PDB file of all heavy atoms in Angstrom:
ATOM      1  N   ALA A   1     -74.720  -9.522  16.075  1.00  0.00           N
ATOM      2  CA  ALA A   1     -73.828 -10.638  16.392  1.00  0.00           C
ATOM      3  C   ALA A   1     -72.400 -10.108  16.469  1.00  0.00           C
ATOM      4  O   ALA A   1     -71.958  -9.346  15.608  1.00  0.00           O
ATOM      5  CB  ALA A   1     -73.933 -11.719  15.329  1.00  0.00           C
ATOM      6  N   CYS A   2     -71.680 -10.527  17.494  1.00  0.00           N
ATOM      7  CA  CYS A   2     -70.285 -10.123  17.666  1.00  0.00           C
ATOM      8  C   CYS A   2     -69.457 -10.708  16.531  1.00  0.00           C
ATOM      9  O   CYS A   2     -69.562 -11.904  16.229  1.00  0.00           O
ATOM     10  CB  CYS A   2     -69.769 -10.605  19.018  1.00  0.00           C
ATOM     11  SG  CYS A   2     -68.017 -10.264  19.276  1.00  0.00           S
ATOM     12  N   THR A   3     -68.636  -9.887  15.916  1.00  0.00           N
ATOM     13  CA  THR A   3     -67.800 -10.343  14.804  1.00  0.00           C
ATOM     14  C   THR A   3     -66.654 -11.227  15.290  1.00  0.00           C
ATOM     15  O   THR A   3     -66.069 -11.969  14.504  1.00  0.00           O
ATOM     16  CB  THR A   3     -67.219  -9.150  14.030  1.00  0.00           C
ATOM     17  OG1 THR A   3     -66.522  -8.303  14.941  1.00  0.00           O
ATOM     18  CG2 THR A   3     -68.315  -8.369  13.336  1.00  0.00           C
ATOM     19  N   HIS A   4     -66.342 -11.175  16.586  1.00  0.00           N
ATOM     20  CA  HIS A   4     -65.225 -11.957  17.117  1.00  0.00           C
ATOM     21  C   HIS A   4     -65.668 -13.321  17.644  1.00  0.00           C
ATOM     22  O   HIS A   4     -65.121 -14.347  17.250  1.00  0.00           O
ATOM     23  CB  HIS A   4     -64.514 -11.170  18.224  1.00  0.00           C
ATOM     24  CG  HIS A   4     -63.280 -11.828  18.740  1.00  0.00           C
ATOM     25  ND1 HIS A   4     -63.277 -12.523  19.928  1.00  0.00           N
ATOM     26  CD2 HIS A   4     -62.038 -11.925  18.226  1.00  0.00           C
ATOM     27  CE1 HIS A   4     -62.070 -13.012  20.126  1.00  0.00           C
ATOM     28  NE2 HIS A   4     -61.290 -12.666  19.107  1.00  0.00           N
ATOM     29  N   CYS A   5     -66.671 -13.340  18.534  1.00  0.00           N
ATOM     30  CA  CYS A   5     -67.073 -14.606  19.160  1.00  0.00           C
ATOM     31  C   CYS A   5     -68.393 -15.162  18.631  1.00  0.00           C
ATOM     32  O   CYS A   5     -68.761 -16.291  18.943  1.00  0.00           O
ATOM     33  CB  CYS A   5     -67.140 -14.462  20.681  1.00  0.00           C
ATOM     34  SG  CYS A   5     -68.485 -13.428  21.280  1.00  0.00           S
ATOM     35  N   GLY A   6     -69.140 -14.361  17.860  1.00  0.00           N
ATOM     36  CA  GLY A   6     -70.384 -14.831  17.264  1.00  0.00           C
ATOM     37  C   GLY A   6     -71.605 -14.781  18.156  1.00  0.00           C
ATOM     38  O   GLY A   6     -72.687 -15.178  17.741  1.00  0.00           O
ATOM     39  N   THR A   7     -71.475 -14.301  19.378  1.00  0.00           N
ATOM     40  CA  THR A   7     -72.616 -14.209  20.289  1.00  0.00           C
ATOM     41  C   THR A   7     -73.623 -13.199  19.754  1.00  0.00           C
ATOM     42  O   THR A   7     -73.251 -12.112  19.334  1.00  0.00           O
ATOM     43  CB  THR A   7     -72.157 -13.773  21.690  1.00  0.00           C
ATOM     44  OG1 THR A   7     -71.157 -14.672  22.145  1.00  0.00           O
ATOM     45  CG2 THR A   7     -73.314 -13.746  22.667  1.00  0.00           C
ATOM     46  N   VAL A   8     -74.890 -13.568  19.766  1.00  0.00           N
ATOM     47  CA  VAL A   8     -75.955 -12.667  19.328  1.00  0.00           C
ATOM     48  C   VAL A   8     -76.465 -11.914  20.547  1.00  0.00           C
ATOM     49  O   VAL A   8     -76.807 -12.515  21.565  1.00  0.00           O
ATOM     50  CB  VAL A   8     -77.099 -13.444  18.646  1.00  0.00           C
ATOM     51  CG1 VAL A   8     -78.231 -12.506  18.264  1.00  0.00           C
ATOM     52  CG2 VAL A   8     -76.575 -14.186  17.424  1.00  0.00           C
ATOM     53  N   HIS A   9     -76.501 -10.589  20.437  1.00  0.00           N
ATOM     54  CA  HIS A   9     -76.893  -9.723  21.553  1.00  0.00           C
ATOM     55  C   HIS A   9     -78.144  -8.927  21.223  1.00  0.00           C
ATOM     56  O   HIS A   9     -78.296  -8.454  20.100  1.00  0.00           O
ATOM     57  CB  HIS A   9     -75.789  -8.689  21.845  1.00  0.00           C
ATOM     58  CG  HIS A   9     -74.495  -9.275  22.274  1.00  0.00           C
ATOM     59  ND1 HIS A   9     -74.302  -9.809  23.522  1.00  0.00           N
ATOM     60  CD2 HIS A   9     -73.315  -9.406  21.616  1.00  0.00           C
ATOM     61  CE1 HIS A   9     -73.052 -10.254  23.616  1.00  0.00           C
ATOM     62  NE2 HIS A   9     -72.439 -10.011  22.476  1.00  0.00           N
ATOM     63  N   GLY A  10     -78.992  -8.756  22.228  1.00  0.00           N
ATOM     64  CA  GLY A  10     -80.017  -7.729  22.175  1.00  0.00           C
ATOM     65  C   GLY A  10     -79.327  -6.445  22.617  1.00  0.00           C
ATOM     66  O   GLY A  10     -78.594  -6.450  23.610  1.00  0.00           O
ATOM     67  N   ARG A  11     -79.504  -5.368  21.899  1.00  0.00           N
ATOM     68  CA  ARG A  11     -78.770  -4.131  22.153  1.00  0.00           C
ATOM     69  C   ARG A  11     -78.894  -3.668  23.603  1.00  0.00           C
ATOM     70  O   ARG A  11     -77.902  -3.383  24.265  1.00  0.00           O
ATOM     71  CB  ARG A  11     -79.265  -3.058  21.191  1.00  0.00           C
ATOM     72  CG  ARG A  11     -78.540  -1.749  21.299  1.00  0.00           C
ATOM     73  CD  ARG A  11     -79.192  -0.717  20.375  1.00  0.00           C
ATOM     74  NE  ARG A  11     -78.345   0.441  20.277  1.00  0.00           N
ATOM     75  CZ  ARG A  11     -77.724   0.828  19.171  1.00  0.00           C
ATOM     76  NH1 ARG A  11     -77.876   0.138  18.069  1.00  0.00           N
ATOM     77  NH2 ARG A  11     -76.971   1.886  19.161  1.00  0.00           N
ATOM     78  N   ASP A  12     -80.116  -3.587  24.121  1.00  0.00           N
ATOM     79  CA  ASP A  12     -80.339  -3.060  25.467  1.00  0.00           C
ATOM     80  C   ASP A  12     -79.845  -4.027  26.537  1.00  0.00           C
ATOM     81  O   ASP A  12     -79.269  -3.609  27.550  1.00  0.00           O
ATOM     82  CB  ASP A  12     -81.813  -2.745  25.686  1.00  0.00           C
ATOM     83  CG  ASP A  12     -82.318  -1.636  24.774  1.00  0.00           C
ATOM     84  OD1 ASP A  12     -81.488  -0.814  24.337  1.00  0.00           O
ATOM     85  OD2 ASP A  12     -83.534  -1.603  24.491  1.00  0.00           O
ATOM     86  N   HIS A  13     -80.065  -5.315  26.338  1.00  0.00           N
ATOM     87  CA  HIS A  13     -79.625  -6.311  27.319  1.00  0.00           C
ATOM     88  C   HIS A  13     -78.102  -6.336  27.406  1.00  0.00           C
ATOM     89  O   HIS A  13     -77.531  -6.410  28.497  1.00  0.00           O
ATOM     90  CB  HIS A  13     -80.186  -7.685  26.933  1.00  0.00           C
ATOM     91  CG  HIS A  13     -80.044  -8.713  27.989  1.00  0.00           C
ATOM     92  ND1 HIS A  13     -79.301  -9.839  27.827  1.00  0.00           N
ATOM     93  CD2 HIS A  13     -80.551  -8.779  29.248  1.00  0.00           C
ATOM     94  CE1 HIS A  13     -79.346 -10.558  28.920  1.00  0.00           C
ATOM     95  NE2 HIS A  13     -80.103  -9.937  29.804  1.00  0.00           N
ATOM     96  N   ASN A  14     -77.444  -6.275  26.267  1.00  0.00           N
ATOM     97  CA  ASN A  14     -75.984  -6.243  26.236  1.00  0.00           C
ATOM     98  C   ASN A  14     -75.455  -4.990  26.938  1.00  0.00           C
ATOM     99  O   ASN A  14     -74.513  -5.069  27.722  1.00  0.00           O
ATOM    100  CB  ASN A  14     -75.495  -6.275  24.784  1.00  0.00           C
ATOM    101  CG  ASN A  14     -73.993  -6.274  24.690  1.00  0.00           C
ATOM    102  OD1 ASN A  14     -73.333  -7.186  25.149  1.00  0.00           O
ATOM    103  ND2 ASN A  14     -73.453  -5.228  24.080  1.00  0.00           N
ATOM    104  N   ALA A  15     -76.086  -3.849  26.667  1.00  0.00           N
ATOM    105  CA  ALA A  15     -75.661  -2.598  27.312  1.00  0.00           C
ATOM    106  C   ALA A  15     -75.833  -2.689  28.829  1.00  0.00           C
ATOM    107  O   ALA A  15     -74.966  -2.243  29.587  1.00  0.00           O
ATOM    108  CB  ALA A  15     -76.450  -1.418  26.755  1.00  0.00           C
ATOM    109  N   ALA A  16     -76.935  -3.292  29.276  1.00  0.00           N
ATOM    110  CA  ALA A  16     -77.176  -3.440  30.716  1.00  0.00           C
ATOM    111  C   ALA A  16     -76.090  -4.299  31.363  1.00  0.00           C
ATOM    112  O   ALA A  16     -75.608  -3.989  32.460  1.00  0.00           O
ATOM    113  CB  ALA A  16     -78.549  -4.052  30.958  1.00  0.00           C
ATOM    114  N   LYS A  17     -75.689  -5.378  30.691  1.00  0.00           N
ATOM    115  CA  LYS A  17     -74.611  -6.220  31.222  1.00  0.00           C
ATOM    116  C   LYS A  17     -73.303  -5.437  31.323  1.00  0.00           C
ATOM    117  O   LYS A  17     -72.567  -5.556  32.299  1.00  0.00           O
ATOM    118  CB  LYS A  17     -74.400  -7.439  30.328  1.00  0.00           C
ATOM    119  CG  LYS A  17     -75.469  -8.480  30.438  1.00  0.00           C
ATOM    120  CD  LYS A  17     -75.140  -9.643  29.517  1.00  0.00           C
ATOM    121  CE  LYS A  17     -76.149 -10.741  29.607  1.00  0.00           C
ATOM    122  NZ  LYS A  17     -75.818 -11.852  28.693  1.00  0.00           N
ATOM    123  N   ASN A  18     -73.014  -4.620  30.310  1.00  0.00           N
ATOM    124  CA  ASN A  18     -71.781  -3.829  30.322  1.00  0.00           C
ATOM    125  C   ASN A  18     -71.804  -2.750  31.394  1.00  0.00           C
ATOM    126  O   ASN A  18     -70.781  -2.469  32.019  1.00  0.00           O
ATOM    127  CB  ASN A  18     -71.518  -3.229  28.946  1.00  0.00           C
ATOM    128  CG  ASN A  18     -71.075  -4.274  27.945  1.00  0.00           C
ATOM    129  OD1 ASN A  18     -70.443  -5.259  28.302  1.00  0.00           O
ATOM    130  ND2 ASN A  18     -71.410  -4.072  26.690  1.00  0.00           N
ATOM    131  N   VAL A  19     -72.962  -2.146  31.625  1.00  0.00           N
ATOM    132  CA  VAL A  19     -73.093  -1.141  32.692  1.00  0.00           C
ATOM    133  C   VAL A  19     -72.879  -1.807  34.046  1.00  0.00           C
ATOM    134  O   VAL A  19     -72.166  -1.286  34.911  1.00  0.00           O
ATOM    135  CB  VAL A  19     -74.467  -0.440  32.632  1.00  0.00           C
ATOM    136  CG1 VAL A  19     -74.740   0.355  33.896  1.00  0.00           C
ATOM    137  CG2 VAL A  19     -74.541   0.463  31.413  1.00  0.00           C
ATOM    138  N   LYS A  20     -73.484  -2.980  34.234  1.00  0.00           N
ATOM    139  CA  LYS A  20     -73.312  -3.702  35.497  1.00  0.00           C
ATOM    140  C   LYS A  20     -71.851  -4.049  35.741  1.00  0.00           C
ATOM    141  O   LYS A  20     -71.332  -3.878  36.844  1.00  0.00           O
ATOM    142  CB  LYS A  20     -74.158  -4.971  35.482  1.00  0.00           C
ATOM    143  CG  LYS A  20     -74.086  -5.765  36.761  1.00  0.00           C
ATOM    144  CD  LYS A  20     -74.958  -6.999  36.684  1.00  0.00           C
ATOM    145  CE  LYS A  20     -74.832  -7.814  37.963  1.00  0.00           C
ATOM    146  NZ  LYS A  20     -75.612  -9.048  37.884  1.00  0.00           N
ATOM    147  N   GLN A  21     -71.173  -4.497  34.693  1.00  0.00           N
ATOM    148  CA  GLN A  21     -69.756  -4.837  34.828  1.00  0.00           C
ATOM    149  C   GLN A  21     -68.923  -3.590  35.113  1.00  0.00           C
ATOM    150  O   GLN A  21     -68.047  -3.607  35.970  1.00  0.00           O
ATOM    151  CB  GLN A  21     -69.247  -5.517  33.571  1.00  0.00           C
ATOM    152  CG  GLN A  21     -67.795  -5.932  33.693  1.00  0.00           C
ATOM    153  CD  GLN A  21     -67.283  -6.633  32.450  1.00  0.00           C
ATOM    154  OE1 GLN A  21     -67.993  -6.780  31.468  1.00  0.00           O
ATOM    155  NE2 GLN A  21     -66.048  -7.058  32.501  1.00  0.00           N
ATOM    156  N   ALA A  22     -69.202  -2.482  34.425  1.00  0.00           N
ATOM    157  CA  ALA A  22     -68.456  -1.237  34.653  1.00  0.00           C
ATOM    158  C   ALA A  22     -68.668  -0.733  36.075  1.00  0.00           C
ATOM    159  O   ALA A  22     -67.733  -0.266  36.718  1.00  0.00           O
ATOM    160  CB  ALA A  22     -68.887  -0.182  33.640  1.00  0.00           C
ATOM    161  N   ALA A  23     -69.879  -0.850  36.574  1.00  0.00           N
ATOM    162  CA  ALA A  23     -70.166  -0.418  37.945  1.00  0.00           C
ATOM    163  C   ALA A  23     -69.407  -1.283  38.943  1.00  0.00           C
ATOM    164  O   ALA A  23     -68.835  -0.769  39.913  1.00  0.00           O
ATOM    165  CB  ALA A  23     -71.662  -0.484  38.217  1.00  0.00           C
ATOM    166  N   GLY A  24     -69.354  -2.579  38.704  1.00  0.00           N
ATOM    167  CA  GLY A  24     -68.611  -3.474  39.592  1.00  0.00           C
ATOM    168  C   GLY A  24     -67.133  -3.171  39.604  1.00  0.00           C
ATOM    169  O   GLY A  24     -66.485  -3.184  40.644  1.00  0.00           O
ATOM    170  N   LEU A  25     -66.574  -2.861  38.443  1.00  0.00           N
ATOM    171  CA  LEU A  25     -65.148  -2.504  38.365  1.00  0.00           C
ATOM    172  C   LEU A  25     -64.871  -1.205  39.092  1.00  0.00           C
ATOM    173  O   LEU A  25     -63.864  -1.066  39.767  1.00  0.00           O
ATOM    174  CB  LEU A  25     -64.716  -2.398  36.905  1.00  0.00           C
ATOM    175  CG  LEU A  25     -64.702  -3.703  36.107  1.00  0.00           C
ATOM    176  CD1 LEU A  25     -64.404  -3.424  34.646  1.00  0.00           C
ATOM    177  CD2 LEU A  25     -63.709  -4.690  36.685  1.00  0.00           C
ATOM    178  N   ALA A  26     -65.790  -0.238  38.974  1.00  0.00           N
ATOM    179  CA  ALA A  26     -65.601   1.051  39.649  1.00  0.00           C
ATOM    180  C   ALA A  26     -65.654   0.880  41.164  1.00  0.00           C
ATOM    181  O   ALA A  26     -64.860   1.471  41.885  1.00  0.00           O
ATOM    182  CB  ALA A  26     -66.654   2.044  39.182  1.00  0.00           C
ATOM    183  N   VAL A  27     -66.565   0.069  41.633  1.00  0.00           N
ATOM    184  CA  VAL A  27     -66.688  -0.158  43.075  1.00  0.00           C
ATOM    185  C   VAL A  27     -65.452  -0.891  43.584  1.00  0.00           C
ATOM    186  O   VAL A  27     -64.909  -0.545  44.634  1.00  0.00           O
ATOM    187  CB  VAL A  27     -67.975  -0.959  43.394  1.00  0.00           C
ATOM    188  CG1 VAL A  27     -67.987  -1.408  44.840  1.00  0.00           C
ATOM    189  CG2 VAL A  27     -69.197  -0.115  43.100  1.00  0.00           C
ATOM    190  N   THR A  28     -64.964  -1.870  42.836  1.00  0.00           N
ATOM    191  CA  THR A  28     -63.760  -2.594  43.243  1.00  0.00           C
ATOM    192  C   THR A  28     -62.558  -1.653  43.302  1.00  0.00           C
ATOM    193  O   THR A  28     -61.751  -1.722  44.221  1.00  0.00           O
ATOM    194  CB  THR A  28     -63.474  -3.745  42.254  1.00  0.00           C
ATOM    195  OG1 THR A  28     -64.614  -4.602  42.226  1.00  0.00           O
ATOM    196  CG2 THR A  28     -62.270  -4.544  42.668  1.00  0.00           C
ATOM    197  N   ALA A  29     -62.447  -0.751  42.331  1.00  0.00           N
ATOM    198  CA  ALA A  29     -61.330   0.188  42.305  1.00  0.00           C
ATOM    199  C   ALA A  29     -61.383   1.124  43.510  1.00  0.00           C
ATOM    200  O   ALA A  29     -60.340   1.563  44.002  1.00  0.00           O
ATOM    201  CB  ALA A  29     -61.363   0.994  41.013  1.00  0.00           C
ATOM    202  N   CYS A  30     -62.580   1.418  43.985  1.00  0.00           N
ATOM    203  CA  CYS A  30     -62.736   2.307  45.150  1.00  0.00           C
ATOM    204  C   CYS A  30     -62.767   1.521  46.453  1.00  0.00           C
ATOM    205  O   CYS A  30     -63.070   2.079  47.503  1.00  0.00           O
ATOM    206  CB  CYS A  30     -64.021   3.121  45.011  1.00  0.00           C
ATOM    207  SG  CYS A  30     -64.017   4.231  43.607  1.00  0.00           S
TER     208      CYS A  30
END
């Protein structure tokens, strides 16, 4: 659970969301 917002995350699912977001930011920057 996030100590700031309280959202409960599955480790792998959360990581997948962050990878998707990082990839989108990289593509936008390019």
